[in-house]
Amino acid sequence: MPHLRIRDAATFLGVSDDTVRRWVDQGVLDAGSDEAGRKVLDGRAVAALARDHATPPAPPTGVASSARNRFVGLVTEVTVDTVMAQVELQCGPFRVVSLMSSEAVRELGLEPGVVAVATVKSTQVVVETAGGTA
């Protein structure tokens, strides 16, 4: 079973160490001890809490979609040349970058401060872990 230290769990949950300690005290998360006597949390429980408490903003259009990998955020930067454009969004803690036609940028009215939804569809996703072997 994977274990996380309180500091690491707080980072992944987007809260302070003190909040995680309060959640342990309130029974939201169970803590154990590692070989060195430090408090650790069950990585699976932290992942479930992160998933259950994730509250991404609702899409601004209100349109339903079958896409599951949708990130609502604010456009932070748009770089446009004659044919192509690079659009950056800040979606919660994640920076999403999209390359698209300059025409699409104009048609969508994309500029810094605009709320937009990035939908990701990929046939290949790379997943990495620390110390894992392939």
C-alpha atoms as a PDB file:
ATOM      1  CA  MET A   1       0.000   0.000   0.000  1.00  0.00           C
ATOM      2  CA  PRO A   2       1.490   3.388  -0.980  1.00  0.00           C
ATOM      3  CA  HIS A   3       1.985   5.868   1.842  1.00  0.00           C
ATOM      4  CA  LEU A   4       2.280   9.645   1.736  1.00  0.00           C
ATOM      5  CA  ARG A   5       3.671  11.994   4.314  1.00  0.00           C
ATOM      6  CA  ILE A   6       1.308  14.734   5.444  1.00  0.00           C
ATOM      7  CA  ARG A   7       3.307  17.397   3.586  1.00  0.00           C
ATOM      8  CA  ASP A   8       3.054  15.463   0.312  1.00  0.00           C
ATOM      9  CA  ALA A   9      -0.653  14.714   0.766  1.00  0.00           C
ATOM     10  CA  ALA A  10      -1.292  18.431   1.341  1.00  0.00           C
ATOM     11  CA  THR A  11       0.495  19.265  -1.895  1.00  0.00           C
ATOM     12  CA  PHE A  12      -1.606  16.814  -3.904  1.00  0.00           C
ATOM     13  CA  LEU A  13      -4.836  17.937  -2.230  1.00  0.00           C
ATOM     14  CA  GLY A  14      -4.063  21.628  -2.719  1.00  0.00           C
ATOM     15  CA  VAL A  15      -4.386  22.448   0.987  1.00  0.00           C
ATOM     16  CA  SER A  16      -2.051  23.249   3.853  1.00  0.00           C
ATOM     17  CA  ASP A  17      -0.335  20.709   6.088  1.00  0.00           C
ATOM     18  CA  ASP A  18      -2.509  21.996   8.947  1.00  0.00           C
ATOM     19  CA  THR A  19      -5.682  21.243   6.989  1.00  0.00           C
ATOM     20  CA  VAL A  20      -4.546  17.656   6.442  1.00  0.00           C
ATOM     21  CA  ARG A  21      -3.737  17.350  10.161  1.00  0.00           C
ATOM     22  CA  ARG A  22      -7.248  18.657  10.987  1.00  0.00           C
ATOM     23  CA  TRP A  23      -8.742  16.105   8.589  1.00  0.00           C
ATOM     24  CA  VAL A  24      -6.796  13.371  10.393  1.00  0.00           C
ATOM     25  CA  ASP A  25      -8.076  14.650  13.756  1.00  0.00           C
ATOM     26  CA  GLN A  26     -11.649  14.770  12.390  1.00  0.00           C
ATOM     27  CA  GLY A  27     -11.389  11.235  10.982  1.00  0.00           C
ATOM     28  CA  VAL A  28     -11.607  12.317   7.345  1.00  0.00           C
ATOM     29  CA  LEU A  29      -8.233  10.622   6.762  1.00  0.00           C
ATOM     30  CA  ASP A  30      -6.591   7.883   8.801  1.00  0.00           C
ATOM     31  CA  ALA A  31      -2.933   8.252   9.721  1.00  0.00           C
ATOM     32  CA  GLY A  32      -0.438   5.583  10.553  1.00  0.00           C
ATOM     33  CA  SER A  33       3.282   5.600  11.243  1.00  0.00           C
ATOM     34  CA  ASP A  34       6.181   4.627   9.021  1.00  0.00           C
ATOM     35  CA  GLU A  35       9.335   2.787  10.148  1.00  0.00           C
ATOM     36  CA  ALA A  36      10.808   6.070  11.412  1.00  0.00           C
ATOM     37  CA  GLY A  37       7.691   6.905  13.445  1.00  0.00           C
ATOM     38  CA  ARG A  38       6.545   9.708  11.123  1.00  0.00           C
ATOM     39  CA  LYS A  39       2.844  10.125  10.385  1.00  0.00           C
ATOM     40  CA  VAL A  40       1.867   8.761   6.991  1.00  0.00           C
ATOM     41  CA  LEU A  41      -1.414   8.492   5.128  1.00  0.00           C
ATOM     42  CA  ASP A  42      -2.729   5.748   2.884  1.00  0.00           C
ATOM     43  CA  GLY A  43      -2.051   6.945  -0.669  1.00  0.00           C
ATOM     44  CA  ARG A  44      -5.271   5.340  -1.911  1.00  0.00           C
ATOM     45  CA  ALA A  45      -7.349   7.232   0.647  1.00  0.00           C
ATOM     46  CA  VAL A  46      -5.655  10.521  -0.297  1.00  0.00           C
ATOM     47  CA  ALA A  47      -6.320   9.812  -3.997  1.00  0.00           C
ATOM     48  CA  ALA A  48      -9.987   9.052  -3.277  1.00  0.00           C
ATOM     49  CA  LEU A  49     -10.329  12.260  -1.251  1.00  0.00           C
ATOM     50  CA  ALA A  50      -8.696  14.263  -4.034  1.00  0.00           C
ATOM     51  CA  ARG A  51     -11.083  12.762  -6.589  1.00  0.00           C
ATOM     52  CA  ASP A  52     -14.189  13.139  -4.407  1.00  0.00           C
ATOM     53  CA  HIS A  53     -13.428  16.744  -3.459  1.00  0.00           C
ATOM     54  CA  ALA A  54     -12.360  17.891  -6.908  1.00  0.00           C
ATOM     55  CA  THR A  55     -14.698  20.673  -7.881  1.00  0.00           C
ATOM     56  CA  PRO A  56     -13.746  21.997 -11.274  1.00  0.00           C
ATOM     57  CA  PRO A  57     -15.769  24.962 -12.416  1.00  0.00           C
ATOM     58  CA  ALA A  58     -18.782  24.142 -14.566  1.00  0.00           C
ATOM     59  CA  PRO A  59     -18.389  24.708 -18.289  1.00  0.00           C
ATOM     60  CA  PRO A  60     -19.521  28.233 -19.109  1.00  0.00           C
ATOM     61  CA  THR A  61     -21.724  27.108 -21.992  1.00  0.00           C
ATOM     62  CA  GLY A  62     -23.902  24.685 -20.030  1.00  0.00           C
ATOM     63  CA  VAL A  63     -23.661  22.234 -22.929  1.00  0.00           C
ATOM     64  CA  ALA A  64     -23.366  18.573 -22.014  1.00  0.00           C
ATOM     65  CA  SER A  65     -20.525  16.583 -23.549  1.00  0.00           C
ATOM     66  CA  SER A  66     -19.322  13.005 -23.577  1.00  0.00           C
ATOM     67  CA  ALA A  67     -15.729  14.207 -23.163  1.00  0.00           C
ATOM     68  CA  ARG A  68     -14.315  13.382 -19.734  1.00  0.00           C
ATOM     69  CA  ASN A  69     -10.988  15.178 -19.951  1.00  0.00           C
ATOM     70  CA  ARG A  70     -12.298  18.750 -19.804  1.00  0.00           C
ATOM     71  CA  PHE A  71     -10.469  21.552 -18.041  1.00  0.00           C
ATOM     72  CA  VAL A  72     -12.267  24.830 -17.390  1.00  0.00           C
ATOM     73  CA  GLY A  73      -9.958  27.788 -16.952  1.00  0.00           C
ATOM     74  CA  LEU A  74      -8.913  31.274 -17.871  1.00  0.00           C
ATOM     75  CA  VAL A  75      -6.963  32.148 -20.969  1.00  0.00           C
ATOM     76  CA  THR A  76      -3.674  33.619 -19.729  1.00  0.00           C
ATOM     77  CA  GLU A  77      -1.761  34.157 -22.951  1.00  0.00           C
ATOM     78  CA  VAL A  78      -2.373  34.069 -26.703  1.00  0.00           C
ATOM     79  CA  THR A  79       0.474  34.136 -29.233  1.00  0.00           C
ATOM     80  CA  VAL A  80      -0.757  34.537 -32.804  1.00  0.00           C
ATOM     81  CA  ASP A  81       1.091  34.570 -36.136  1.00  0.00           C
ATOM     82  CA  THR A  82      -0.363  34.554 -39.639  1.00  0.00           C
ATOM     83  CA  VAL A  83      -1.412  30.884 -39.653  1.00  0.00           C
ATOM     84  CA  MET A  84      -1.080  29.331 -36.185  1.00  0.00           C
ATOM     85  CA  ALA A  85      -1.601  30.368 -32.566  1.00  0.00           C
ATOM     86  CA  GLN A  86      -0.604  29.169 -29.117  1.00  0.00           C
ATOM     87  CA  VAL A  87      -3.228  29.572 -26.392  1.00  0.00           C
ATOM     88  CA  GLU A  88      -2.393  29.059 -22.704  1.00  0.00           C
ATOM     89  CA  LEU A  89      -5.056  28.434 -20.070  1.00  0.00           C
ATOM     90  CA  GLN A  90      -4.739  28.230 -16.304  1.00  0.00           C
ATOM     91  CA  CYS A  91      -7.136  25.483 -15.231  1.00  0.00           C
ATOM     92  CA  GLY A  92      -6.936  25.347 -11.449  1.00  0.00           C
ATOM     93  CA  PRO A  93      -3.376  24.280 -10.668  1.00  0.00           C
ATOM     94  CA  PHE A  94      -2.780  23.114 -14.236  1.00  0.00           C
ATOM     95  CA  ARG A  95      -1.410  25.029 -17.212  1.00  0.00           C
ATOM     96  CA  VAL A  96      -2.886  23.765 -20.473  1.00  0.00           C
ATOM     97  CA  VAL A  97      -1.370  24.822 -23.804  1.00  0.00           C
ATOM     98  CA  SER A  98      -3.164  24.411 -27.119  1.00  0.00           C
ATOM     99  CA  LEU A  99      -1.920  24.957 -30.659  1.00  0.00           C
ATOM    100  CA  MET A 100      -4.633  25.956 -33.119  1.00  0.00           C
ATOM    101  CA  SER A 101      -5.205  28.056 -36.197  1.00  0.00           C
ATOM    102  CA  SER A 102      -5.163  31.836 -35.910  1.00  0.00           C
ATOM    103  CA  GLU A 103      -8.607  31.761 -37.508  1.00  0.00           C
ATOM    104  CA  ALA A 104      -9.942  29.635 -34.621  1.00  0.00           C
ATOM    105  CA  VAL A 105      -8.544  32.104 -32.082  1.00  0.00           C
ATOM    106  CA  ARG A 106     -10.351  34.967 -33.822  1.00  0.00           C
ATOM    107  CA  GLU A 107     -13.616  33.021 -34.191  1.00  0.00           C
ATOM    108  CA  LEU A 108     -13.612  31.982 -30.521  1.00  0.00           C
ATOM    109  CA  GLY A 109     -12.612  35.446 -29.309  1.00  0.00           C
ATOM    110  CA  LEU A 110      -9.741  34.024 -27.280  1.00  0.00           C
ATOM    111  CA  GLU A 111      -7.742  36.591 -25.332  1.00  0.00           C
ATOM    112  CA  PRO A 112      -6.348  36.797 -21.801  1.00  0.00           C
ATOM    113  CA  GLY A 113      -9.135  36.772 -19.223  1.00  0.00           C
ATOM    114  CA  VAL A 114     -11.650  34.811 -21.305  1.00  0.00           C
ATOM    115  CA  VAL A 115     -13.132  31.686 -19.678  1.00  0.00           C
ATOM    116  CA  ALA A 116     -12.591  28.659 -21.902  1.00  0.00           C
ATOM    117  CA  VAL A 117     -12.748  24.874 -21.750  1.00  0.00           C
ATOM    118  CA  ALA A 118      -9.828  22.718 -22.904  1.00  0.00           C
ATOM    119  CA  THR A 119     -10.932  19.250 -23.984  1.00  0.00           C
ATOM    120  CA  VAL A 120      -8.143  16.691 -24.276  1.00  0.00           C
ATOM    121  CA  LYS A 121      -8.433  13.649 -26.505  1.00  0.00           C
ATOM    122  CA  SER A 122      -5.332  11.584 -26.895  1.00  0.00           C
ATOM    123  CA  THR A 123      -4.490   8.092 -28.035  1.00  0.00           C
ATOM    124  CA  GLN A 124      -1.358   8.094 -25.916  1.00  0.00           C
ATOM    125  CA  VAL A 125      -0.870   9.311 -22.363  1.00  0.00           C
ATOM    126  CA  VAL A 126       2.476   8.884 -20.615  1.00  0.00           C
ATOM    127  CA  VAL A 127       2.328   8.111 -16.878  1.00  0.00           C
ATOM    128  CA  GLU A 128       5.488   8.277 -14.764  1.00  0.00           C
ATOM    129  CA  THR A 129       6.300   7.351 -11.183  1.00  0.00           C
ATOM    130  CA  ALA A 130       9.338   7.933  -9.031  1.00  0.00           C
ATOM    131  CA  GLY A 131      11.568   4.864  -8.922  1.00  0.00           C
ATOM    132  CA  GLY A 132       9.382   2.790 -11.227  1.00  0.00           C
ATOM    133  CA  THR A 133      10.889   0.505 -13.808  1.00  0.00           C
ATOM    134  CA  ALA A 134       9.573  -0.081 -17.289  1.00  0.00           C
END
